[in-house]
Amino acid sequence: LGNKNQADETIKNPPSDDSYPMISILFSKNNKVGVSALSLTILDLIDK
């Protein structure tokens, strides 16, 4: 948890440093692992 009422530039800061796949799990159906976790990992590897 962080500041839920951000009104300044900190609004662009992610609420935590969790990995991309773990964030997607939080928003996935039934909060389970999908192939999107793999795809997000590949996006990150392209970025790196």
All heavy atoms as atom14 arrays in JSON, in Angstrom:
{
  "sequence": "LGNKNQADETIKNPPSDDSYPMISILFSKNNKVGVSALSLTILDLIDK",
  "atom14_mask": [
    [1, 1, 1, 1, 1, 1, 1, 1, 0, 0, 0, 0, 0, 0],
    [1, 1, 1, 1, 0, 0, 0, 0, 0, 0, 0, 0, 0, 0],
    [1, 1, 1, 1, 1, 1, 1, 1, 0, 0, 0, 0, 0, 0],
    [1, 1, 1, 1, 1, 1, 1, 1, 1, 0, 0, 0, 0, 0],
    [1, 1, 1, 1, 1, 1, 1, 1, 0, 0, 0, 0, 0, 0],
    [1, 1, 1, 1, 1, 1, 1, 1, 1, 0, 0, 0, 0, 0],
    [1, 1, 1, 1, 1, 0, 0, 0, 0, 0, 0, 0, 0, 0],
    [1, 1, 1, 1, 1, 1, 1, 1, 0, 0, 0, 0, 0, 0],
    [1, 1, 1, 1, 1, 1, 1, 1, 1, 0, 0, 0, 0, 0],
    [1, 1, 1, 1, 1, 1, 1, 0, 0, 0, 0, 0, 0, 0],
    [1, 1, 1, 1, 1, 1, 1, 1, 0, 0, 0, 0, 0, 0],
    [1, 1, 1, 1, 1, 1, 1, 1, 1, 0, 0, 0, 0, 0],
    [1, 1, 1, 1, 1, 1, 1, 1, 0, 0, 0, 0, 0, 0],
    [1, 1, 1, 1, 1, 1, 1, 0, 0, 0, 0, 0, 0, 0],
    [1, 1, 1, 1, 1, 1, 1, 0, 0, 0, 0, 0, 0, 0],
    [1, 1, 1, 1, 1, 1, 0, 0, 0, 0, 0, 0, 0, 0],
    [1, 1, 1, 1, 1, 1, 1, 1, 0, 0, 0, 0, 0, 0],
    [1, 1, 1, 1, 1, 1, 1, 1, 0, 0, 0, 0, 0, 0],
    [1, 1, 1, 1, 1, 1, 0, 0, 0, 0, 0, 0, 0, 0],
    [1, 1, 1, 1, 1, 1, 1, 1, 1, 1, 1, 1, 0, 0],
    [1, 1, 1, 1, 1, 1, 1, 0, 0, 0, 0, 0, 0, 0],
    [1, 1, 1, 1, 1, 1, 1, 1, 0, 0, 0, 0, 0, 0],
    [1, 1, 1, 1, 1, 1, 1, 1, 0, 0, 0, 0, 0, 0],
    [1, 1, 1, 1, 1, 1, 0, 0, 0, 0, 0, 0, 0, 0],
    [1, 1, 1, 1, 1, 1, 1, 1, 0, 0, 0, 0, 0, 0],
    [1, 1, 1, 1, 1, 1, 1, 1, 0, 0, 0, 0, 0, 0],
    [1, 1, 1, 1, 1, 1, 1, 1, 1, 1, 1, 0, 0, 0],
    [1, 1, 1, 1, 1, 1, 0, 0, 0, 0, 0, 0, 0, 0],
    [1, 1, 1, 1, 1, 1, 1, 1, 1, 0, 0, 0, 0, 0],
    [1, 1, 1, 1, 1, 1, 1, 1, 0, 0, 0, 0, 0, 0],
    [1, 1, 1, 1, 1, 1, 1, 1, 0, 0, 0, 0, 0, 0],
    [1, 1, 1, 1, 1, 1, 1, 1, 1, 0, 0, 0, 0, 0],
    [1, 1, 1, 1, 1, 1, 1, 0, 0, 0, 0, 0, 0, 0],
    [1, 1, 1, 1, 0, 0, 0, 0, 0, 0, 0, 0, 0, 0],
    [1, 1, 1, 1, 1, 1, 1, 0, 0, 0, 0, 0, 0, 0],
    [1, 1, 1, 1, 1, 1, 0, 0, 0, 0, 0, 0, 0, 0],
    [1, 1, 1, 1, 1, 0, 0, 0, 0, 0, 0, 0, 0, 0],
    [1, 1, 1, 1, 1, 1, 1, 1, 0, 0, 0, 0, 0, 0],
    [1, 1, 1, 1, 1, 1, 0, 0, 0, 0, 0, 0, 0, 0],
    [1, 1, 1, 1, 1, 1, 1, 1, 0, 0, 0, 0, 0, 0],
    [1, 1, 1, 1, 1, 1, 1, 0, 0, 0, 0, 0, 0, 0],
    [1, 1, 1, 1, 1, 1, 1, 1, 0, 0, 0, 0, 0, 0],
    [1, 1, 1, 1, 1, 1, 1, 1, 0, 0, 0, 0, 0, 0],
    [1, 1, 1, 1, 1, 1, 1, 1, 0, 0, 0, 0, 0, 0],
    [1, 1, 1, 1, 1, 1, 1, 1, 0, 0, 0, 0, 0, 0],
    [1, 1, 1, 1, 1, 1, 1, 1, 0, 0, 0, 0, 0, 0],
    [1, 1, 1, 1, 1, 1, 1, 1, 0, 0, 0, 0, 0, 0],
    [1, 1, 1, 1, 1, 1, 1, 1, 1, 0, 0, 0, 0, 0]
  ],
  "atom14_positions": [
    [[0.82, -1.19, 0.0], [0.0, 0.0, 0.0], [0.87, 1.26, 0.0], [1.95, 1.3, 0.54], [-0.9, 0.01, 1.25], [-1.92, -1.13, 1.32], [-2.57, -1.13, 2.69], [-2.97, -0.96, 0.24], [0.0, 0.0, 0.0], [0.0, 0.0, 0.0], [0.0, 0.0, 0.0], [0.0, 0.0, 0.0], [0.0, 0.0, 0.0], [0.0, 0.0, 0.0]],
    [[0.36, 2.3, -0.61], [1.05, 3.59, -0.65], [0.04, 4.7, -0.48], [-1.02, 4.51, 0.12], [0.0, 0.0, 0.0], [0.0, 0.0, 0.0], [0.0, 0.0, 0.0], [0.0, 0.0, 0.0], [0.0, 0.0, 0.0], [0.0, 0.0, 0.0], [0.0, 0.0, 0.0], [0.0, 0.0, 0.0], [0.0, 0.0, 0.0], [0.0, 0.0, 0.0]],
    [[0.35, 5.85, -1.02], [-0.56, 7.0, -0.93], [-1.67, 6.84, -1.93], [-1.44, 6.84, -3.13], [0.23, 8.29, -1.2], [-0.63, 9.53, -1.03], [-1.82, 9.43, -0.78], [-0.01, 10.69, -1.17], [0.0, 0.0, 0.0], [0.0, 0.0, 0.0], [0.0, 0.0, 0.0], [0.0, 0.0, 0.0], [0.0, 0.0, 0.0], [0.0, 0.0, 0.0]],
    [[-2.89, 6.73, -1.45], [-4.03, 6.46, -2.33], [-4.6, 7.75, -2.93], [-5.46, 7.7, -3.78], [-5.12, 5.7, -1.57], [-4.7, 4.33, -1.09], [-5.84, 3.61, -0.43], [-6.08, 4.1, 0.97], [-4.96, 3.86, 1.88], [0.0, 0.0, 0.0], [0.0, 0.0, 0.0], [0.0, 0.0, 0.0], [0.0, 0.0, 0.0], [0.0, 0.0, 0.0]],
    [[-4.13, 8.91, -2.48], [-4.68, 10.17, -2.97], [-3.57, 11.07, -3.53], [-3.47, 12.24, -3.2], [-5.42, 10.89, -1.84], [-6.61, 10.09, -1.34], [-7.48, 9.75, -2.12], [-6.62, 9.8, -0.06], [0.0, 0.0, 0.0], [0.0, 0.0, 0.0], [0.0, 0.0, 0.0], [0.0, 0.0, 0.0], [0.0, 0.0, 0.0], [0.0, 0.0, 0.0]],
    [[-2.71, 10.49, -4.35], [-1.6, 11.24, -4.9], [-2.13, 12.31, -5.85], [-2.91, 12.04, -6.73], [-0.65, 10.31, -5.64], [-0.04, 9.25, -4.74], [0.81, 8.29, -5.54], [1.7, 8.69, -6.25], [0.53, 7.01, -5.42], [0.0, 0.0, 0.0], [0.0, 0.0, 0.0], [0.0, 0.0, 0.0], [0.0, 0.0, 0.0], [0.0, 0.0, 0.0]],
    [[-1.64, 13.55, -5.67], [-2.07, 14.65, -6.53], [-0.87, 15.36, -7.14], [-1.01, 16.42, -7.7], [-2.9, 15.63, -5.72], [0.0, 0.0, 0.0], [0.0, 0.0, 0.0], [0.0, 0.0, 0.0], [0.0, 0.0, 0.0], [0.0, 0.0, 0.0], [0.0, 0.0, 0.0], [0.0, 0.0, 0.0], [0.0, 0.0, 0.0], [0.0, 0.0, 0.0]],
    [[0.32, 14.76, -7.0], [1.51, 15.37, -7.58], [2.21, 14.36, -8.48], [1.63, 13.36, -8.86], [2.45, 15.86, -6.47], [2.79, 14.75, -5.47], [2.75, 13.56, -5.87], [3.08, 15.06, -4.31], [0.0, 0.0, 0.0], [0.0, 0.0, 0.0], [0.0, 0.0, 0.0], [0.0, 0.0, 0.0], [0.0, 0.0, 0.0], [0.0, 0.0, 0.0]],
    [[3.48, 14.64, -8.81], [4.18, 13.81, -9.77], [4.42, 12.38, -9.29], [4.74, 11.5, -10.11], [5.51, 14.46, -10.13], [6.5, 14.57, -8.98], [7.8, 15.21, -9.41], [7.93, 15.5, -10.61], [8.66, 15.41, -8.54], [0.0, 0.0, 0.0], [0.0, 0.0, 0.0], [0.0, 0.0, 0.0], [0.0, 0.0, 0.0], [0.0, 0.0, 0.0]],
    [[4.24, 12.14, -8.0], [4.42, 10.78, -7.5], [3.34, 9.83, -8.01], [3.44, 8.62, -7.85], [4.42, 10.75, -5.96], [3.18, 11.27, -5.47], [5.57, 11.56, -5.4], [0.0, 0.0, 0.0], [0.0, 0.0, 0.0], [0.0, 0.0, 0.0], [0.0, 0.0, 0.0], [0.0, 0.0, 0.0], [0.0, 0.0, 0.0], [0.0, 0.0, 0.0]],
    [[2.31, 10.39, -8.64], [1.26, 9.55, -9.2], [1.79, 8.64, -10.29], [1.22, 7.59, -10.58], [0.09, 10.41, -9.74], [-1.14, 9.53, -9.99], [0.5, 11.14, -11.03], [-2.37, 10.34, -10.35], [0.0, 0.0, 0.0], [0.0, 0.0, 0.0], [0.0, 0.0, 0.0], [0.0, 0.0, 0.0], [0.0, 0.0, 0.0], [0.0, 0.0, 0.0]],
    [[2.93, 9.01, -10.88], [3.49, 8.18, -11.96], [4.42, 7.09, -11.42], [4.96, 6.3, -12.2], [4.25, 9.06, -12.95], [5.56, 9.62, -12.45], [6.26, 10.36, -13.58], [7.64, 10.84, -13.14], [8.38, 11.47, -14.25], [0.0, 0.0, 0.0], [0.0, 0.0, 0.0], [0.0, 0.0, 0.0], [0.0, 0.0, 0.0], [0.0, 0.0, 0.0]],
    [[4.58, 7.03, -10.11], [5.41, 6.0, -9.51], [4.61, 4.73, -9.27], [3.53, 4.78, -8.67], [5.99, 6.48, -8.19], [6.91, 7.68, -8.34], [7.49, 7.89, -9.4], [7.02, 8.48, -7.3], [0.0, 0.0, 0.0], [0.0, 0.0, 0.0], [0.0, 0.0, 0.0], [0.0, 0.0, 0.0], [0.0, 0.0, 0.0], [0.0, 0.0, 0.0]],
    [[5.09, 3.57, -9.7], [4.39, 2.32, -9.41], [4.24, 2.13, -7.9], [5.14, 2.49, -7.14], [5.32, 1.25, -10.01], [6.14, 1.98, -11.01], [6.33, 3.37, -10.47], [0.0, 0.0, 0.0], [0.0, 0.0, 0.0], [0.0, 0.0, 0.0], [0.0, 0.0, 0.0], [0.0, 0.0, 0.0], [0.0, 0.0, 0.0], [0.0, 0.0, 0.0]],
    [[3.13, 1.58, -7.44], [2.9, 1.4, -6.0], [3.9, 0.48, -5.32], [4.05, 0.53, -4.11], [1.49, 0.8, -5.95], [0.84, 1.26, -7.21], [1.94, 1.26, -8.24], [0.0, 0.0, 0.0], [0.0, 0.0, 0.0], [0.0, 0.0, 0.0], [0.0, 0.0, 0.0], [0.0, 0.0, 0.0], [0.0, 0.0, 0.0], [0.0, 0.0, 0.0]],
    [[4.58, -0.38, -6.09], [5.57, -1.28, -5.5], [6.57, -1.68, -6.57], [6.43, -1.32, -7.74], [4.89, -2.53, -4.93], [4.49, -3.39, -5.99], [0.0, 0.0, 0.0], [0.0, 0.0, 0.0], [0.0, 0.0, 0.0], [0.0, 0.0, 0.0], [0.0, 0.0, 0.0], [0.0, 0.0, 0.0], [0.0, 0.0, 0.0], [0.0, 0.0, 0.0]],
    [[7.57, -2.45, -6.18], [8.6, -2.89, -7.13], [8.4, -4.34, -7.55], [9.34, -5.03, -7.94], [10.0, -2.7, -6.54], [10.2, -3.5, -5.26], [9.24, -4.13, -4.78], [11.34, -3.49, -4.73], [0.0, 0.0, 0.0], [0.0, 0.0, 0.0], [0.0, 0.0, 0.0], [0.0, 0.0, 0.0], [0.0, 0.0, 0.0], [0.0, 0.0, 0.0]],
    [[7.17, -4.82, -7.47], [6.89, -6.2, -7.88], [7.17, -6.4, -9.35], [7.09, -5.46, -10.16], [5.44, -6.55, -7.57], [5.2, -6.73, -6.09], [5.4, -7.85, -5.6], [4.83, -5.74, -5.44], [0.0, 0.0, 0.0], [0.0, 0.0, 0.0], [0.0, 0.0, 0.0], [0.0, 0.0, 0.0], [0.0, 0.0, 0.0], [0.0, 0.0, 0.0]],
    [[7.49, -7.64, -9.72], [7.76, -7.95, -11.12], [6.49, -7.8, -11.94], [5.37, -7.9, -11.44], [8.3, -9.39, -11.24], [7.3, -10.33, -10.88], [0.0, 0.0, 0.0], [0.0, 0.0, 0.0], [0.0, 0.0, 0.0], [0.0, 0.0, 0.0], [0.0, 0.0, 0.0], [0.0, 0.0, 0.0], [0.0, 0.0, 0.0], [0.0, 0.0, 0.0]],
    [[6.67, -7.57, -13.23], [5.52, -7.4, -14.12], [4.56, -8.59, -14.08], [3.34, -8.39, -14.0], [6.0, -7.16, -15.56], [6.88, -5.94, -15.73], [8.2, -6.07, -16.15], [6.4, -4.66, -15.47], [9.02, -4.95, -16.32], [7.21, -3.53, -15.63], [8.52, -3.69, -16.05], [9.31, -2.58, -16.22], [0.0, 0.0, 0.0], [0.0, 0.0, 0.0]],
    [[5.05, -9.83, -14.12], [4.12, -10.96, -14.08], [3.26, -10.99, -12.82], [2.08, -11.34, -12.87], [5.04, -12.18, -14.16], [6.26, -11.69, -14.87], [6.44, -10.29, -14.38], [0.0, 0.0, 0.0], [0.0, 0.0, 0.0], [0.0, 0.0, 0.0], [0.0, 0.0, 0.0], [0.0, 0.0, 0.0], [0.0, 0.0, 0.0], [0.0, 0.0, 0.0]],
    [[3.86, -10.62, -11.67], [3.09, -10.65, -10.43], [1.99, -9.6, -10.43], [0.91, -9.83, -9.88], [4.02, -10.44, -9.23], [5.08, -11.52, -9.05], [4.4, -13.2, -9.07], [3.31, -13.16, -7.65], [0.0, 0.0, 0.0], [0.0, 0.0, 0.0], [0.0, 0.0, 0.0], [0.0, 0.0, 0.0], [0.0, 0.0, 0.0], [0.0, 0.0, 0.0]],
    [[2.24, -8.48, -11.06], [1.21, -7.44, -11.17], [0.07, -7.93, -12.05], [-1.11, -7.73, -11.75], [1.81, -6.15, -11.73], [2.87, -5.61, -10.78], [0.72, -5.09, -11.95], [3.77, -4.57, -11.4], [0.0, 0.0, 0.0], [0.0, 0.0, 0.0], [0.0, 0.0, 0.0], [0.0, 0.0, 0.0], [0.0, 0.0, 0.0], [0.0, 0.0, 0.0]],
    [[0.42, -8.61, -13.14], [-0.62, -9.11, -14.05], [-1.48, -10.17, -13.37], [-2.68, -10.28, -13.63], [0.01, -9.69, -15.32], [0.67, -10.91, -15.07], [0.0, 0.0, 0.0], [0.0, 0.0, 0.0], [0.0, 0.0, 0.0], [0.0, 0.0, 0.0], [0.0, 0.0, 0.0], [0.0, 0.0, 0.0], [0.0, 0.0, 0.0], [0.0, 0.0, 0.0]],
    [[-0.88, -10.96, -12.47], [-1.63, -11.98, -11.74], [-2.7, -11.32, -10.88], [-3.83, -11.8, -10.77], [-0.68, -12.84, -10.88], [0.19, -13.73, -11.78], [-1.46, -13.7, -9.89], [1.29, -14.46, -11.04], [0.0, 0.0, 0.0], [0.0, 0.0, 0.0], [0.0, 0.0, 0.0], [0.0, 0.0, 0.0], [0.0, 0.0, 0.0], [0.0, 0.0, 0.0]],
    [[-2.35, -10.19, -10.28], [-3.3, -9.47, -9.44], [-4.54, -9.04, -10.23], [-5.64, -8.98, -9.69], [-2.62, -8.23, -8.84], [-3.43, -7.41, -7.83], [-3.65, -8.21, -6.55], [-2.72, -6.1, -7.5], [0.0, 0.0, 0.0], [0.0, 0.0, 0.0], [0.0, 0.0, 0.0], [0.0, 0.0, 0.0], [0.0, 0.0, 0.0], [0.0, 0.0, 0.0]],
    [[-4.36, -8.79, -11.53], [-5.47, -8.32, -12.36], [-6.03, -9.41, -13.27], [-6.91, -9.15, -14.08], [-5.02, -7.13, -13.21], [-4.99, -5.83, -12.45], [-3.92, -5.51, -11.64], [-6.05, -4.95, -12.53], [-3.89, -4.34, -10.91], [-6.04, -3.76, -11.8], [-4.96, -3.46, -11.0], [0.0, 0.0, 0.0], [0.0, 0.0, 0.0], [0.0, 0.0, 0.0]],
    [[-5.52, -10.64, -13.16], [-5.98, -11.71, -14.03], [-7.26, -12.35, -13.5], [-7.63, -12.16, -12.33], [-4.9, -12.79, -14.15], [-4.72, -13.44, -12.91], [0.0, 0.0, 0.0], [0.0, 0.0, 0.0], [0.0, 0.0, 0.0], [0.0, 0.0, 0.0], [0.0, 0.0, 0.0], [0.0, 0.0, 0.0], [0.0, 0.0, 0.0], [0.0, 0.0, 0.0]],
    [[-7.91, -13.09, -14.35], [-9.11, -13.8, -13.94], [-8.73, -14.85, -12.9], [-7.83, -15.64, -13.1], [-9.75, -14.48, -15.16], [-11.06, -15.19, -14.85], [-11.65, -15.81, -16.11], [-12.96, -16.52, -15.81], [-13.54, -17.13, -17.02], [0.0, 0.0, 0.0], [0.0, 0.0, 0.0], [0.0, 0.0, 0.0], [0.0, 0.0, 0.0], [0.0, 0.0, 0.0]],
    [[-9.42, -14.82, -11.78], [-9.18, -15.76, -10.68], [-7.78, -15.61, -10.07], [-7.35, -16.47, -9.3], [-9.37, -17.22, -11.14], [-10.79, -17.48, -11.58], [-11.73, -16.94, -11.02], [-10.95, -18.28, -12.62], [0.0, 0.0, 0.0], [0.0, 0.0, 0.0], [0.0, 0.0, 0.0], [0.0, 0.0, 0.0], [0.0, 0.0, 0.0], [0.0, 0.0, 0.0]],
    [[-7.08, -14.51, -10.44], [-5.76, -14.24, -9.86], [-4.81, -15.42, -10.0], [-4.07, -15.76, -9.08], [-5.88, -13.83, -8.39], [-6.81, -12.65, -8.19], [-7.89, -12.81, -7.61], [-6.43, -11.51, -8.68], [0.0, 0.0, 0.0], [0.0, 0.0, 0.0], [0.0, 0.0, 0.0], [0.0, 0.0, 0.0], [0.0, 0.0, 0.0], [0.0, 0.0, 0.0]],
    [[-4.83, -16.04, -11.17], [-3.95, -17.18, -11.43], [-2.99, -16.85, -12.57], [-3.16, -15.89, -13.3], [-4.78, -18.43, -11.77], [-5.58, -18.95, -10.59], [-6.18, -20.31, -10.9], [-6.91, -20.88, -9.7], [-7.45, -22.24, -9.95], [0.0, 0.0, 0.0], [0.0, 0.0, 0.0], [0.0, 0.0, 0.0], [0.0, 0.0, 0.0], [0.0, 0.0, 0.0]],
    [[-1.96, -17.67, -12.69], [-0.92, -17.43, -13.68], [-1.43, -17.79, -15.07], [-1.97, -18.87, -15.29], [0.33, -18.27, -13.36], [1.42, -18.01, -14.39], [0.84, -17.94, -11.96], [0.0, 0.0, 0.0], [0.0, 0.0, 0.0], [0.0, 0.0, 0.0], [0.0, 0.0, 0.0], [0.0, 0.0, 0.0], [0.0, 0.0, 0.0], [0.0, 0.0, 0.0]],
    [[-1.24, -16.88, -16.03], [-1.61, -17.13, -17.41], [-0.41, -16.98, -18.31], [0.69, -16.64, -17.86], [0.0, 0.0, 0.0], [0.0, 0.0, 0.0], [0.0, 0.0, 0.0], [0.0, 0.0, 0.0], [0.0, 0.0, 0.0], [0.0, 0.0, 0.0], [0.0, 0.0, 0.0], [0.0, 0.0, 0.0], [0.0, 0.0, 0.0], [0.0, 0.0, 0.0]],
    [[-0.58, -17.2, -19.61], [0.54, -17.07, -20.54], [1.02, -15.62, -20.6], [2.15, -15.35, -21.03], [0.17, -17.56, -21.95], [-0.14, -19.05, -21.94], [-0.98, -16.78, -22.53], [0.0, 0.0, 0.0], [0.0, 0.0, 0.0], [0.0, 0.0, 0.0], [0.0, 0.0, 0.0], [0.0, 0.0, 0.0], [0.0, 0.0, 0.0], [0.0, 0.0, 0.0]],
    [[0.2, -14.69, -20.16], [0.61, -13.29, -20.16], [1.84, -13.08, -19.28], [2.67, -12.19, -19.56], [-0.53, -12.38, -19.69], [-0.95, -12.73, -18.39], [0.0, 0.0, 0.0], [0.0, 0.0, 0.0], [0.0, 0.0, 0.0], [0.0, 0.0, 0.0], [0.0, 0.0, 0.0], [0.0, 0.0, 0.0], [0.0, 0.0, 0.0], [0.0, 0.0, 0.0]],
    [[1.99, -13.88, -18.23], [3.17, -13.77, -17.37], [4.43, -14.07, -18.17], [5.47, -13.41, -18.0], [3.05, -14.74, -16.19], [0.0, 0.0, 0.0], [0.0, 0.0, 0.0], [0.0, 0.0, 0.0], [0.0, 0.0, 0.0], [0.0, 0.0, 0.0], [0.0, 0.0, 0.0], [0.0, 0.0, 0.0], [0.0, 0.0, 0.0], [0.0, 0.0, 0.0]],
    [[4.35, -15.05, -19.06], [5.47, -15.39, -19.94], [5.72, -14.26, -20.93], [6.86, -13.85, -21.15], [5.19, -16.7, -20.66], [6.18, -17.11, -21.75], [7.56, -17.34, -21.17], [5.69, -18.38, -22.46], [0.0, 0.0, 0.0], [0.0, 0.0, 0.0], [0.0, 0.0, 0.0], [0.0, 0.0, 0.0], [0.0, 0.0, 0.0], [0.0, 0.0, 0.0]],
    [[4.66, -13.76, -21.54], [4.8, -12.68, -22.53], [5.39, -11.43, -21.9], [6.23, -10.75, -22.51], [3.43, -12.37, -23.15], [2.92, -13.48, -23.84], [0.0, 0.0, 0.0], [0.0, 0.0, 0.0], [0.0, 0.0, 0.0], [0.0, 0.0, 0.0], [0.0, 0.0, 0.0], [0.0, 0.0, 0.0], [0.0, 0.0, 0.0], [0.0, 0.0, 0.0]],
    [[4.98, -11.1, -20.68], [5.51, -9.93, -19.99], [7.0, -10.1, -19.68], [7.78, -9.14, -19.77], [4.74, -9.68, -18.69], [3.32, -9.13, -18.87], [2.54, -9.23, -17.57], [3.36, -7.69, -19.35], [0.0, 0.0, 0.0], [0.0, 0.0, 0.0], [0.0, 0.0, 0.0], [0.0, 0.0, 0.0], [0.0, 0.0, 0.0], [0.0, 0.0, 0.0]],
    [[7.39, -11.31, -19.33], [8.8, -11.59, -19.09], [9.61, -11.37, -20.36], [10.71, -10.8, -20.33], [8.99, -13.03, -18.58], [8.27, -13.2, -17.35], [10.47, -13.35, -18.35], [0.0, 0.0, 0.0], [0.0, 0.0, 0.0], [0.0, 0.0, 0.0], [0.0, 0.0, 0.0], [0.0, 0.0, 0.0], [0.0, 0.0, 0.0], [0.0, 0.0, 0.0]],
    [[9.07, -11.78, -21.49], [9.74, -11.58, -22.77], [9.83, -10.1, -23.12], [10.86, -9.63, -23.62], [9.03, -12.38, -23.87], [9.21, -13.88, -23.61], [9.56, -12.01, -25.27], [8.39, -14.77, -24.5], [0.0, 0.0, 0.0], [0.0, 0.0, 0.0], [0.0, 0.0, 0.0], [0.0, 0.0, 0.0], [0.0, 0.0, 0.0], [0.0, 0.0, 0.0]],
    [[8.77, -9.34, -22.84], [8.83, -7.89, -23.06], [9.97, -7.27, -22.25], [10.72, -6.43, -22.75], [7.51, -7.23, -22.65], [6.25, -7.51, -23.47], [5.1, -6.62, -23.0], [6.49, -7.29, -24.96], [0.0, 0.0, 0.0], [0.0, 0.0, 0.0], [0.0, 0.0, 0.0], [0.0, 0.0, 0.0], [0.0, 0.0, 0.0], [0.0, 0.0, 0.0]],
    [[10.09, -7.7, -21.01], [11.14, -7.18, -20.14], [12.52, -7.54, -20.68], [13.45, -6.73, -20.64], [10.95, -7.73, -18.72], [11.77, -6.98, -17.68], [12.13, -5.82, -17.94], [12.02, -7.56, -16.6], [0.0, 0.0, 0.0], [0.0, 0.0, 0.0], [0.0, 0.0, 0.0], [0.0, 0.0, 0.0], [0.0, 0.0, 0.0], [0.0, 0.0, 0.0]],
    [[12.66, -8.74, -21.21], [13.94, -9.18, -21.79], [14.27, -8.39, -23.05], [15.44, -8.1, -23.32], [13.9, -10.68, -22.09], [13.91, -11.6, -20.85], [13.65, -13.04, -21.25], [15.25, -11.48, -20.11], [0.0, 0.0, 0.0], [0.0, 0.0, 0.0], [0.0, 0.0, 0.0], [0.0, 0.0, 0.0], [0.0, 0.0, 0.0], [0.0, 0.0, 0.0]],
    [[13.25, -8.03, -23.82], [13.48, -7.17, -24.99], [13.95, -5.8, -24.53], [14.89, -5.22, -25.08], [12.19, -7.04, -25.83], [11.84, -8.38, -26.49], [12.34, -5.96, -26.91], [10.5, -8.38, -27.22], [0.0, 0.0, 0.0], [0.0, 0.0, 0.0], [0.0, 0.0, 0.0], [0.0, 0.0, 0.0], [0.0, 0.0, 0.0], [0.0, 0.0, 0.0]],
    [[13.3, -5.29, -23.5], [13.66, -3.97, -22.96], [15.09, -3.96, -22.41], [15.8, -2.96, -22.53], [12.66, -3.59, -21.86], [12.82, -2.15, -21.41], [13.06, -1.27, -22.25], [12.67, -1.88, -20.2], [0.0, 0.0, 0.0], [0.0, 0.0, 0.0], [0.0, 0.0, 0.0], [0.0, 0.0, 0.0], [0.0, 0.0, 0.0], [0.0, 0.0, 0.0]],
    [[15.52, -5.08, -21.84], [16.87, -5.17, -21.27], [17.93, -5.5, -22.32], [19.12, -5.53, -22.0], [16.89, -6.27, -20.19], [16.07, -5.93, -18.95], [16.07, -7.11, -17.99], [15.26, -6.81, -16.74], [15.17, -8.0, -15.84], [0.0, 0.0, 0.0], [0.0, 0.0, 0.0], [0.0, 0.0, 0.0], [0.0, 0.0, 0.0], [0.0, 0.0, 0.0]]
  ]
}
